[in-house]
């Protein structure tokens, strides 16, 4: 807005109007998120004290954030973090932004981790393509006796995951490993989890700009048919599963049959599947035959 000073209510109205464009589904929500984030205010304050004056640096920060959002940059990329399963996770250029759909994978695996702890006193988790560390750290936050190794080919992602572990008090049970999938992995694990790249190359070109331009391509590109990563995971998982262990993967909503067939050919049978909140197939869990 033109003036250097603004009231909270006026800034919210200005932000909502600027974000009223075709590709933003809920401009009022996003305007509130941005203004509250940069002004450290709450919705309650917006209602009870809309005339609260805001200083020029806050007005300028909001204006810059609105420009970035209108350039299709997602809100949480602008903030630099996202909440996932109750954890605040920092984002970086080479990490996928963790999304609520992936919480379905955490929910599916948690009972297995807890059962393993009750049975053997601990649970070793391997998170392939860990990114922000979201899946592994969510599991560790729920089960104190579990420990996890986050694997990624990106050094930037591993540094981000390690920072997220430290910021959430989980650094003593989380380690990182730079590896191309299983290439440098040794030892056995009770649970192997992964949200691998599963977008086909044809679909990549059709993604929304928010995803196509701001999520790392390496975390999205699943090859010609979107299934390349599943073939690698299925091929080598059995070499690193402890007795009674399992492999849990997130999938695209049309991939259940194809991914199941890939794992079946690698002598891993499907024993559990679950859907996300939208009712789409999202999680498959396999065990050795």
Protein backbone atom coordinates (compact mmCIF):
# COMPACT_ATOMS: atom_id res chain seq x y z
CA UNK A 1 0.00 0.00 0.00
CA UNK A 2 1.13 3.54 -0.65
CA UNK A 3 1.36 4.79 2.92
CA UNK A 4 4.33 3.78 5.06
CA UNK A 5 2.17 3.32 8.14
CA UNK A 6 -1.00 1.23 8.16
CA UNK A 7 -3.49 -0.15 10.61
CA UNK A 8 -3.83 -3.91 11.06
CA UNK A 9 -7.33 -3.91 9.56
CA UNK A 10 -6.32 -1.79 6.60
CA UNK A 11 -3.32 -4.00 5.84
CA UNK A 12 -5.45 -7.14 5.99
CA UNK A 13 -7.95 -5.61 3.57
CA UNK A 14 -5.19 -4.50 1.22
CA UNK A 15 -3.59 -7.96 1.27
CA UNK A 16 -6.89 -9.68 0.60
CA UNK A 17 -7.61 -7.46 -2.38
CA UNK A 18 -4.14 -8.00 -3.87
CA UNK A 19 -4.46 -11.77 -3.52
CA UNK A 20 -7.90 -11.91 -5.14
CA UNK A 21 -6.56 -13.51 -8.32
CA UNK A 22 -7.63 -16.62 -10.21
CA UNK A 23 -4.95 -19.03 -8.95
CA UNK A 24 -5.44 -18.32 -5.22
CA UNK A 25 -8.42 -20.28 -3.88
CA UNK A 26 -8.79 -18.47 -0.54
CA UNK A 27 -7.33 -14.94 -0.65
CA UNK A 28 -8.75 -14.02 2.75
CA UNK A 29 -7.01 -16.97 4.43
CA UNK A 30 -3.68 -16.36 2.72
CA UNK A 31 -3.84 -12.63 3.42
CA UNK A 32 -4.41 -13.34 7.09
CA UNK A 33 -1.56 -15.86 7.19
CA UNK A 34 0.88 -13.41 5.65
CA UNK A 35 -0.11 -10.39 7.72
CA UNK A 36 -0.21 -12.37 10.98
CA UNK A 37 3.18 -13.92 10.26
CA UNK A 38 5.02 -10.68 9.54
CA UNK A 39 3.21 -8.56 12.14
CA UNK A 40 3.19 -11.19 14.92
CA UNK A 41 -0.52 -10.57 15.43
CA UNK A 42 -3.46 -12.91 15.78
CA UNK A 43 -6.96 -13.14 14.36
CA UNK A 44 -8.29 -12.13 17.76
CA UNK A 45 -6.30 -8.87 17.57
CA UNK A 46 -7.57 -8.20 14.05
CA UNK A 47 -11.12 -8.40 15.35
CA UNK A 48 -10.65 -6.59 18.66
CA UNK A 49 -8.12 -3.95 17.56
CA UNK A 50 -8.28 -3.38 13.79
CA UNK A 51 -6.92 0.15 14.22
CA UNK A 52 -3.65 -1.14 15.70
CA UNK A 53 -0.88 0.82 13.94
CA UNK A 54 1.83 -1.17 12.19
CA UNK A 55 5.29 0.33 11.57
CA UNK A 56 6.81 0.76 8.09
CA UNK A 57 9.15 -2.29 8.25
CA UNK A 58 6.17 -4.60 8.79
CA UNK A 59 4.17 -2.96 5.99
CA UNK A 60 7.18 -3.35 3.69
CA UNK A 61 7.68 -7.00 4.66
CA UNK A 62 4.03 -7.78 3.93
CA UNK A 63 4.24 -5.97 0.58
CA UNK A 64 7.28 -8.01 -0.41
CA UNK A 65 5.57 -11.25 0.62
CA UNK A 66 2.49 -10.36 -1.43
CA UNK A 67 4.68 -9.74 -4.49
CA UNK A 68 6.28 -13.14 -4.02
CA UNK A 69 2.92 -14.87 -3.60
CA UNK A 70 1.60 -13.22 -6.76
CA UNK A 71 4.63 -14.72 -8.49
CA UNK A 72 3.21 -18.13 -7.47
CA UNK A 73 5.62 -18.73 -4.58
CA UNK A 74 3.74 -20.80 -1.96
CA UNK A 75 3.03 -19.13 1.37
CA UNK A 76 5.11 -21.57 3.39
CA UNK A 77 8.07 -21.14 1.04
CA UNK A 78 7.84 -17.41 1.76
CA UNK A 79 7.80 -18.11 5.51
CA UNK A 80 10.64 -20.65 5.22
CA UNK A 81 8.93 -23.34 7.28
CA UNK A 82 5.86 -25.55 7.43
CA UNK A 83 4.04 -27.38 10.21
CA UNK A 84 3.92 -31.15 9.79
CA UNK A 85 2.46 -33.58 12.32
CA UNK A 86 2.84 -30.99 15.06
CA UNK A 87 6.44 -30.18 14.19
CA UNK A 88 7.75 -26.92 12.75
CA UNK A 89 10.05 -27.86 9.89
CA UNK A 90 12.37 -25.46 8.06
CA UNK A 91 12.36 -25.61 4.27
CA UNK A 92 15.25 -25.12 1.85
CA UNK A 93 15.71 -24.97 -1.90
CA UNK A 94 16.30 -28.72 -2.22
CA UNK A 95 13.57 -29.98 0.11
CA UNK A 96 10.04 -30.86 -0.86
CA UNK A 97 7.46 -28.93 1.13
CA UNK A 98 5.88 -31.58 3.40
CA UNK A 99 2.15 -31.81 2.78
CA UNK A 100 -0.78 -33.08 4.84
CA UNK A 101 -1.21 -36.09 2.51
CA UNK A 102 2.09 -37.47 3.79
CA UNK A 103 0.75 -37.51 7.35
CA UNK A 104 -1.24 -40.55 6.18
CA UNK A 105 2.07 -42.41 5.85
CA UNK A 106 3.05 -41.46 9.40
CA UNK A 107 -0.33 -42.62 10.72
CA UNK A 108 -0.01 -45.95 8.89
CA UNK A 109 3.50 -46.65 10.17
CA UNK A 110 3.15 -45.49 13.79
CA UNK A 111 1.40 -48.65 15.05
CA UNK A 112 4.15 -50.78 13.50
CA UNK A 113 6.87 -48.71 15.16
CA UNK A 114 5.11 -48.95 18.53
CA UNK A 115 4.59 -52.70 18.16
CA UNK A 116 8.25 -53.18 17.26
CA UNK A 117 9.33 -51.25 20.37
CA UNK A 118 7.12 -53.42 22.55
CA UNK A 119 8.52 -56.55 20.94
CA UNK A 120 12.25 -55.85 20.78
CA UNK A 121 12.74 -52.72 22.90
CA UNK A 122 13.51 -50.34 20.06
CA UNK A 123 12.88 -49.61 16.39
CA UNK A 124 15.39 -48.74 13.68
CA UNK A 125 13.85 -46.59 10.93
CA UNK A 126 15.34 -45.76 7.52
CA UNK A 127 13.77 -42.77 5.74
CA UNK A 128 14.75 -42.79 2.06
CA UNK A 129 14.67 -39.38 0.38
CA UNK A 130 14.22 -37.74 3.75
CA UNK A 131 14.10 -34.12 2.53
CA UNK A 132 13.13 -32.01 5.54
CA UNK A 133 13.18 -35.17 7.67
CA UNK A 134 9.41 -34.89 8.02
CA UNK A 135 8.44 -38.57 8.11
CA UNK A 136 11.29 -39.78 10.31
CA UNK A 137 11.04 -36.88 12.74
CA UNK A 138 7.28 -37.25 13.07
CA UNK A 139 7.74 -40.91 13.98
CA UNK A 140 10.52 -40.12 16.45
CA UNK A 141 8.41 -37.42 18.09
CA UNK A 142 5.74 -40.01 18.83
CA UNK A 143 7.90 -42.97 19.88
CA UNK A 144 10.74 -42.18 22.28
CA UNK A 145 12.46 -45.56 21.86
CA UNK A 146 12.79 -45.28 18.08
CA UNK A 147 15.81 -44.02 16.16
CA UNK A 148 16.08 -43.06 12.51
CA UNK A 149 18.51 -42.51 9.67
CA UNK A 150 17.50 -39.98 7.04
CA UNK A 151 18.95 -40.70 3.59
CA UNK A 152 19.11 -38.18 0.78
CA UNK A 153 21.33 -37.49 -2.22
CA UNK A 154 21.15 -33.75 -1.52
CA UNK A 155 23.58 -32.28 1.02
CA UNK A 156 21.33 -29.23 1.31
CA UNK A 157 18.38 -31.45 2.25
CA UNK A 158 20.42 -33.38 4.81
CA UNK A 159 21.59 -30.16 6.44
CA UNK A 160 17.98 -28.99 6.62
CA UNK A 161 16.82 -32.31 8.08
CA UNK A 162 19.57 -32.24 10.71
CA UNK A 163 18.62 -28.68 11.65
CA UNK A 164 14.97 -29.69 11.94
CA UNK A 165 15.92 -32.58 14.19
CA UNK A 166 17.88 -30.25 16.47
CA UNK A 167 15.15 -27.60 16.54
CA UNK A 168 12.63 -30.23 17.62
CA UNK A 169 14.88 -31.87 20.22
CA UNK A 170 15.32 -35.08 18.22
CA UNK A 171 18.96 -34.79 17.13
CA UNK A 172 20.23 -37.57 19.42
CA UNK A 173 18.01 -40.17 17.74
CA UNK A 174 18.32 -38.94 14.15
CA UNK A 175 21.31 -39.29 11.87
CA UNK A 176 21.76 -38.33 8.23
CA UNK A 177 23.43 -40.22 5.39
CA UNK A 178 24.25 -38.91 1.93
CA UNK A 179 23.41 -41.76 -0.42
CA UNK A 180 21.74 -42.46 -3.76
CA UNK A 181 18.92 -44.55 -2.30
CA UNK A 182 20.54 -47.69 -0.79
CA UNK A 183 23.97 -47.22 -2.40
CA UNK A 184 25.78 -46.32 0.85
CA UNK A 185 23.32 -47.79 3.34
CA UNK A 186 24.56 -50.58 5.60
CA UNK A 187 22.93 -52.59 8.35
CA UNK A 188 19.34 -53.62 8.96
CA UNK A 189 16.16 -51.73 9.81
CA UNK A 190 12.80 -52.66 11.23
CA UNK A 191 10.96 -50.07 9.14
CA UNK A 192 11.95 -48.52 5.80
CA UNK A 193 9.81 -45.53 4.81
CA UNK A 194 9.83 -43.30 1.76
CA UNK A 195 7.87 -40.58 0.01
CA UNK A 196 9.77 -40.95 -3.26
CA UNK A 197 9.43 -38.95 -6.48
CA UNK A 198 6.37 -40.35 -8.25
CA UNK A 199 5.33 -37.77 -10.84
CA UNK A 200 5.69 -38.96 -14.44
CA UNK A 201 7.64 -36.78 -16.84
CA UNK A 202 4.48 -36.01 -18.78
CA UNK A 203 2.69 -34.89 -15.62
CA UNK A 204 5.60 -32.67 -14.55
CA UNK A 205 4.84 -30.20 -17.32
CA UNK A 206 1.24 -29.99 -16.16
CA UNK A 207 1.93 -29.20 -12.50
CA UNK A 208 0.84 -25.90 -11.01
CA UNK A 209 3.57 -23.21 -11.04
CA UNK A 210 3.63 -23.31 -7.21
CA UNK A 211 4.97 -26.86 -7.42
CA UNK A 212 6.79 -26.80 -10.76
CA UNK A 213 8.86 -23.70 -10.01
CA UNK A 214 9.44 -23.98 -6.26
CA UNK A 215 9.65 -27.66 -5.29
CA UNK A 216 12.93 -29.35 -6.29
CA UNK A 217 12.58 -31.28 -9.55
CA UNK A 218 14.62 -34.19 -8.18
CA UNK A 219 12.02 -34.72 -5.45
CA UNK A 220 9.19 -34.85 -8.00
CA UNK A 221 10.52 -36.61 -11.11
CA UNK A 222 9.63 -40.29 -11.01
CA UNK A 223 10.87 -41.03 -14.52
CA UNK A 224 8.94 -41.76 -17.66
CA UNK A 225 6.09 -43.56 -15.87
CA UNK A 226 6.57 -42.14 -12.37
CA UNK A 227 7.67 -45.51 -10.96
CA UNK A 228 11.48 -45.45 -11.18
CA UNK A 229 12.08 -44.92 -7.46
CA UNK A 230 9.76 -47.76 -6.48
CA UNK A 231 11.75 -50.16 -8.65
CA UNK A 232 14.98 -49.22 -6.85
CA UNK A 233 13.42 -49.41 -3.39
CA UNK A 234 11.75 -52.76 -4.07
CA UNK A 235 14.92 -54.23 -5.57
CA UNK A 236 17.15 -53.49 -2.57
CA UNK A 237 14.85 -53.20 0.44
CA UNK A 238 15.04 -56.89 1.30
CA UNK A 239 18.80 -56.59 1.82
CA UNK A 240 18.25 -54.12 4.66
CA UNK A 241 15.11 -55.41 6.39
CA UNK A 242 15.50 -57.02 9.79
CA UNK A 243 13.33 -60.11 10.45
CA UNK A 244 9.69 -59.08 10.56
CA UNK A 245 10.49 -55.69 9.06
CA UNK A 246 8.42 -53.74 6.56
CA UNK A 247 8.64 -51.16 3.78
CA UNK A 248 6.10 -48.31 3.69
CA UNK A 249 5.79 -45.93 0.74
CA UNK A 250 3.63 -43.03 -0.30
CA UNK A 251 2.14 -43.32 -3.78
CA UNK A 252 0.25 -41.25 -6.30
CA UNK A 253 -3.50 -41.85 -6.23
CA UNK A 254 -3.49 -43.97 -9.44
CA UNK A 255 -0.41 -46.06 -8.68
CA UNK A 256 -1.56 -48.71 -6.20
CA UNK A 257 -1.71 -51.63 -8.63
CA UNK A 258 1.52 -50.77 -10.44
CA UNK A 259 3.55 -50.24 -7.26
CA UNK A 260 2.14 -53.39 -5.68
CA UNK A 261 3.18 -55.40 -8.74
CA UNK A 262 6.72 -53.97 -8.58
CA UNK A 263 7.13 -55.02 -4.94
CA UNK A 264 5.50 -58.42 -5.50
CA UNK A 265 8.10 -59.20 -8.16
CA UNK A 266 10.78 -58.42 -5.55
CA UNK A 267 9.25 -60.98 -3.12
CA UNK A 268 7.57 -58.34 -0.96
CA UNK A 269 3.85 -58.76 -0.37
CA UNK A 270 1.33 -56.04 0.36
CA UNK A 271 -0.12 -56.37 3.84
CA UNK A 272 -1.63 -52.93 4.46
CA UNK A 273 -2.89 -50.00 2.41
CA UNK A 274 -4.48 -46.72 3.46
CA UNK A 275 -6.02 -43.62 1.96
CA UNK A 276 -5.49 -39.92 2.63
CA UNK A 277 -8.12 -37.51 3.96
CA UNK A 278 -9.46 -36.99 0.44
CA UNK A 279 -10.11 -40.73 0.10
CA UNK A 280 -7.32 -41.34 -2.41
CA UNK A 281 -4.92 -44.29 -2.23
CA UNK A 282 -1.83 -42.91 -0.50
CA UNK A 283 0.14 -45.49 1.52
CA UNK A 284 1.27 -49.06 0.87
CA UNK A 285 3.10 -51.27 3.36
CA UNK A 286 4.99 -54.41 2.30
CA UNK A 287 6.72 -57.27 4.10
CA UNK A 288 8.92 -60.11 2.94
CA UNK A 289 7.01 -63.13 1.57
